[in-house]
């Protein structure tokens, strides 16, 4: 695995991971994370594909991870630049989850895997609440919910005869399942696979106080990746490094 920078053209370079197979690549792959995530989240999938001979590039999308710019319509430009980068290895497979799955479908790659792609034009009230509560704190953007406005400004896909694998989970978001099935019916070379193992199929109703507890859970779970936490820890470590003594000396 190697950290690389993709051409930003009119802007600063875009950080990405490059994951290469042991031998000569059979093809390239561009892998896109979802909203509120980062390139690190799909490293396991990249390593699996690299084991099959794909040379993978995993960029941070705008507003996420180490990307220098805010979330915005440049999302699609960045996705297509990652595909261009991967073309040095021949044909390109684009793979993405959620927002990344939508970008994979729009990336003009030679084959596409879209995992629970963000196809619906409008999120349900429950979906918007989940987006804003669980994902928004990890995104740099102009306003909460901006991602839905960006997606509404994009076509649903740019697939023209290329093979497409659409992956959904059993118990997945109903509007995504419906949109995936409609898309598959409109394409000549699309396959839909529903994943059951590892899916949460049954769950008890939450206690009445759960909604007020969510903010605490989100704040707790997001601390490890918070930029201020990283900066604080790094500054403290630098401050005390010179005073740390090995025991017994």
Protein backbone atom coordinates (compact mmCIF):
# COMPACT_ATOMS: atom_id res chain seq x y z
CA UNK A 1 0.00 0.00 0.00
CA UNK A 2 1.30 3.43 -0.92
CA UNK A 3 0.02 6.96 -0.39
CA UNK A 4 -0.21 8.83 -3.68
CA UNK A 5 -1.63 12.13 -4.90
CA UNK A 6 -3.99 12.36 -7.85
CA UNK A 7 -3.91 15.31 -10.22
CA UNK A 8 -6.19 18.07 -9.00
CA UNK A 9 -5.95 19.95 -12.32
CA UNK A 10 -7.27 23.37 -11.28
CA UNK A 11 -6.93 22.61 -7.57
CA UNK A 12 -4.56 20.98 -5.09
CA UNK A 13 -3.60 17.30 -5.43
CA UNK A 14 -6.05 14.70 -4.09
CA UNK A 15 -4.72 12.14 -1.58
CA UNK A 16 -5.34 8.46 -2.29
CA UNK A 17 -4.12 4.97 -1.47
CA UNK A 18 -2.58 2.81 -4.14
CA UNK A 19 -2.84 -0.93 -3.51
CA UNK A 20 -0.96 -3.06 -6.05
CA UNK A 21 -0.99 -6.82 -6.68
CA UNK A 22 2.18 -8.85 -6.24
CA UNK A 23 2.65 -9.45 -9.96
CA UNK A 24 1.75 -7.52 -13.08
CA UNK A 25 -1.79 -6.06 -12.81
CA UNK A 26 -4.50 -7.63 -14.95
CA UNK A 27 -6.55 -4.41 -14.79
CA UNK A 28 -7.07 -1.26 -12.77
CA UNK A 29 -9.71 -0.52 -10.15
CA UNK A 30 -11.00 2.76 -8.71
CA UNK A 31 -12.71 2.38 -5.33
CA UNK A 32 -14.99 5.04 -3.83
CA UNK A 33 -16.13 5.30 -0.20
CA UNK A 34 -19.50 6.50 1.01
CA UNK A 35 -20.73 9.73 2.55
CA UNK A 36 -19.21 10.34 5.98
CA UNK A 37 -16.46 7.77 5.39
CA UNK A 38 -12.94 7.82 3.94
CA UNK A 39 -10.62 5.83 1.71
CA UNK A 40 -9.47 3.80 4.71
CA UNK A 41 -12.88 2.16 5.05
CA UNK A 42 -12.51 0.16 1.83
CA UNK A 43 -8.90 -0.95 2.22
CA UNK A 44 -10.01 -4.51 2.98
CA UNK A 45 -11.94 -4.67 -0.28
CA UNK A 46 -8.95 -3.19 -2.13
CA UNK A 47 -6.62 -5.82 -0.68
CA UNK A 48 -9.04 -8.53 -1.80
CA UNK A 49 -9.15 -7.13 -5.34
CA UNK A 50 -5.38 -6.71 -5.38
CA UNK A 51 -5.12 -10.39 -4.52
CA UNK A 52 -7.06 -11.02 -7.74
CA UNK A 53 -4.65 -8.95 -9.82
CA UNK A 54 -6.30 -5.51 -9.75
CA UNK A 55 -4.17 -2.40 -9.19
CA UNK A 56 -6.44 -0.30 -6.96
CA UNK A 57 -6.64 3.42 -6.30
CA UNK A 58 -8.74 4.66 -3.37
CA UNK A 59 -9.19 8.46 -3.23
CA UNK A 60 -10.63 10.49 -0.40
CA UNK A 61 -13.71 12.24 -1.80
CA UNK A 62 -14.18 16.01 -1.39
CA UNK A 63 -15.10 16.93 2.17
CA UNK A 64 -13.79 13.62 3.51
CA UNK A 65 -10.56 12.33 5.02
CA UNK A 66 -7.53 14.28 3.83
CA UNK A 67 -9.16 15.78 0.75
CA UNK A 68 -8.29 19.50 0.73
CA UNK A 69 -11.66 20.75 -0.56
CA UNK A 70 -15.21 20.88 0.75
CA UNK A 71 -17.93 18.53 -0.43
CA UNK A 72 -19.33 19.71 -3.76
CA UNK A 73 -20.17 18.83 -7.38
CA UNK A 74 -16.44 18.20 -7.97
CA UNK A 75 -17.20 14.74 -6.54
CA UNK A 76 -17.86 13.37 -10.01
CA UNK A 77 -14.80 15.01 -11.57
CA UNK A 78 -12.63 13.46 -8.87
CA UNK A 79 -14.16 10.03 -9.42
CA UNK A 80 -13.50 10.18 -13.15
CA UNK A 81 -9.92 11.34 -12.54
CA UNK A 82 -9.37 8.29 -10.35
CA UNK A 83 -10.64 6.10 -13.19
CA UNK A 84 -8.26 7.87 -15.58
CA UNK A 85 -5.39 7.20 -13.18
CA UNK A 86 -6.29 3.51 -13.02
CA UNK A 87 -6.32 3.24 -16.84
CA UNK A 88 -2.53 3.00 -16.86
CA UNK A 89 -3.17 -0.64 -15.96
CA UNK A 90 -5.67 -1.31 -18.78
CA UNK A 91 -9.41 -1.74 -18.35
CA UNK A 92 -10.88 -0.24 -15.18
CA UNK A 93 -13.35 -1.62 -12.67
CA UNK A 94 -15.10 1.06 -10.58
CA UNK A 95 -16.35 -0.03 -7.17
CA UNK A 96 -18.21 2.10 -4.68
CA UNK A 97 -20.45 2.00 -1.62
CA UNK A 98 -23.51 4.24 -1.15
CA UNK A 99 -22.44 7.68 -2.45
CA UNK A 100 -19.38 5.94 -3.88
CA UNK A 101 -21.63 3.42 -5.62
CA UNK A 102 -23.48 6.24 -7.34
CA UNK A 103 -20.16 7.75 -8.42
CA UNK A 104 -18.99 4.35 -9.71
CA UNK A 105 -22.10 4.20 -11.91
CA UNK A 106 -21.25 7.66 -13.25
CA UNK A 107 -17.49 7.18 -13.54
CA UNK A 108 -17.41 5.86 -17.14
CA UNK A 109 -15.38 2.82 -16.07
CA UNK A 110 -15.38 -0.38 -18.12
CA UNK A 111 -17.21 -2.37 -15.44
CA UNK A 112 -18.99 -1.30 -12.27
CA UNK A 113 -19.76 -2.70 -8.84
CA UNK A 114 -22.25 -0.50 -6.98
CA UNK A 115 -22.82 -1.54 -3.36
CA UNK A 116 -26.11 -0.16 -2.02
CA UNK A 117 -25.72 2.87 -4.31
CA UNK A 118 -27.27 6.21 -3.39
CA UNK A 119 -29.79 6.26 -6.24
CA UNK A 120 -32.95 7.77 -4.69
CA UNK A 121 -33.47 11.43 -5.57
CA UNK A 122 -35.00 12.15 -2.17
CA UNK A 123 -34.08 10.67 1.19
CA UNK A 124 -36.89 9.73 3.55
CA UNK A 125 -37.24 11.78 6.75
CA UNK A 126 -35.68 8.85 8.59
CA UNK A 127 -32.84 8.71 6.07
CA UNK A 128 -32.14 12.43 6.32
CA UNK A 129 -32.10 12.20 10.10
CA UNK A 130 -29.61 9.32 9.94
CA UNK A 131 -27.43 11.16 7.41
CA UNK A 132 -27.31 14.31 9.47
CA UNK A 133 -26.87 12.54 12.81
CA UNK A 134 -24.39 9.77 12.00
CA UNK A 135 -22.49 10.92 8.91
CA UNK A 136 -22.53 14.71 8.79
CA UNK A 137 -20.07 15.21 11.70
CA UNK A 138 -17.42 13.48 9.58
CA UNK A 139 -17.95 15.65 6.48
CA UNK A 140 -16.69 19.14 5.68
CA UNK A 141 -19.49 20.83 3.75
CA UNK A 142 -21.39 24.05 3.35
CA UNK A 143 -24.51 22.78 5.14
CA UNK A 144 -26.02 19.50 6.41
CA UNK A 145 -27.87 17.60 3.71
CA UNK A 146 -25.87 19.16 0.88
CA UNK A 147 -25.07 15.70 -0.46
CA UNK A 148 -28.72 15.13 -1.44
CA UNK A 149 -28.78 18.40 -3.40
CA UNK A 150 -25.60 17.35 -5.20
CA UNK A 151 -27.00 13.92 -6.05
CA UNK A 152 -30.23 15.44 -7.40
CA UNK A 153 -28.10 17.43 -9.84
CA UNK A 154 -26.47 14.28 -11.27
CA UNK A 155 -27.88 11.73 -13.71
CA UNK A 156 -28.62 8.33 -12.15
CA UNK A 157 -25.86 6.59 -14.11
CA UNK A 158 -23.63 6.75 -17.17
CA UNK A 159 -23.58 3.02 -17.95
CA UNK A 160 -23.80 2.07 -21.60
CA UNK A 161 -23.46 -1.64 -22.20
CA UNK A 162 -20.79 -2.19 -19.53
CA UNK A 163 -21.23 -5.06 -17.07
CA UNK A 164 -22.72 -3.93 -13.76
CA UNK A 165 -22.99 -5.73 -10.44
CA UNK A 166 -25.49 -4.20 -8.01
CA UNK A 167 -25.11 -5.39 -4.41
CA UNK A 168 -27.75 -4.78 -1.76
CA UNK A 169 -28.26 -6.15 1.73
CA UNK A 170 -31.28 -8.00 3.00
CA UNK A 171 -33.06 -5.40 5.08
CA UNK A 172 -31.28 -2.60 3.20
CA UNK A 173 -32.82 0.89 2.92
CA UNK A 174 -36.16 0.28 1.12
CA UNK A 175 -35.85 3.21 -1.30
CA UNK A 176 -32.36 2.05 -2.34
CA UNK A 177 -33.58 -1.52 -2.90
CA UNK A 178 -36.43 -0.25 -5.05
CA UNK A 179 -34.16 2.06 -7.06
CA UNK A 180 -31.58 -0.70 -7.58
CA UNK A 181 -34.23 -3.09 -8.89
CA UNK A 182 -35.56 -0.42 -11.27
CA UNK A 183 -32.06 0.33 -12.52
CA UNK A 184 -31.26 -3.34 -13.05
CA UNK A 185 -34.45 -3.78 -15.08
CA UNK A 186 -33.41 -0.89 -17.35
CA UNK A 187 -29.90 -2.22 -18.08
CA UNK A 188 -29.01 -5.09 -20.40
CA UNK A 189 -26.00 -6.36 -18.48
CA UNK A 190 -26.77 -5.80 -14.82
CA UNK A 191 -26.86 -8.40 -12.08
CA UNK A 192 -28.34 -7.88 -8.61
CA UNK A 193 -27.00 -9.80 -5.62
CA UNK A 194 -28.66 -9.63 -2.20
CA UNK A 195 -26.41 -10.28 0.81
CA UNK A 196 -27.93 -11.94 3.88
CA UNK A 197 -25.00 -12.99 6.04
CA UNK A 198 -24.00 -10.32 8.51
CA UNK A 199 -27.16 -8.28 8.00
CA UNK A 200 -29.25 -7.13 10.96
CA UNK A 201 -32.56 -8.79 10.18
CA UNK A 202 -34.34 -8.53 13.52
CA UNK A 203 -33.96 -5.98 16.29
CA UNK A 204 -35.93 -4.97 19.35
CA UNK A 205 -37.51 -1.53 19.47
CA UNK A 206 -35.17 0.98 21.14
CA UNK A 207 -35.89 2.25 24.64
CA UNK A 208 -37.83 5.52 24.73
CA UNK A 209 -34.72 7.52 25.68
CA UNK A 210 -32.63 6.23 22.77
CA UNK A 211 -33.13 9.24 20.47
CA UNK A 212 -31.75 11.62 23.08
CA UNK A 213 -28.80 9.25 23.57
CA UNK A 214 -27.78 9.19 19.89
CA UNK A 215 -25.81 12.44 20.09
CA UNK A 216 -23.68 11.03 22.90
CA UNK A 217 -23.04 7.83 20.94
CA UNK A 218 -22.06 9.76 17.79
CA UNK A 219 -19.73 12.08 19.70
CA UNK A 220 -18.09 9.14 21.42
CA UNK A 221 -17.69 7.06 18.26
CA UNK A 222 -16.26 9.90 16.19
CA UNK A 223 -13.55 11.06 18.57
CA UNK A 224 -10.81 8.75 17.26
CA UNK A 225 -10.98 10.32 13.80
CA UNK A 226 -11.55 13.91 14.89
CA UNK A 227 -8.86 16.24 13.43
CA UNK A 228 -8.64 18.25 16.66
CA UNK A 229 -8.08 15.06 18.64
CA UNK A 230 -5.24 14.09 16.31
CA UNK A 231 -3.69 17.55 16.55
CA UNK A 232 -4.05 17.63 20.34
CA UNK A 233 -2.48 14.20 20.77
CA UNK A 234 0.37 15.01 18.38
CA UNK A 235 1.12 18.32 20.12
CA UNK A 236 1.10 16.71 23.56
CA UNK A 237 3.33 13.87 22.40
CA UNK A 238 5.78 16.36 20.95
CA UNK A 239 5.75 18.36 24.19
CA UNK A 240 6.45 15.43 26.50
CA UNK A 241 8.76 13.42 24.23
CA UNK A 242 11.88 15.08 25.57
CA UNK A 243 10.88 14.43 29.19
CA UNK A 244 10.02 10.76 28.88
CA UNK A 245 12.59 8.48 30.47
CA UNK A 246 12.95 4.75 30.07
CA UNK A 247 12.28 3.10 33.43
CA UNK A 248 15.44 2.27 35.31
CA UNK A 249 17.57 4.96 33.65
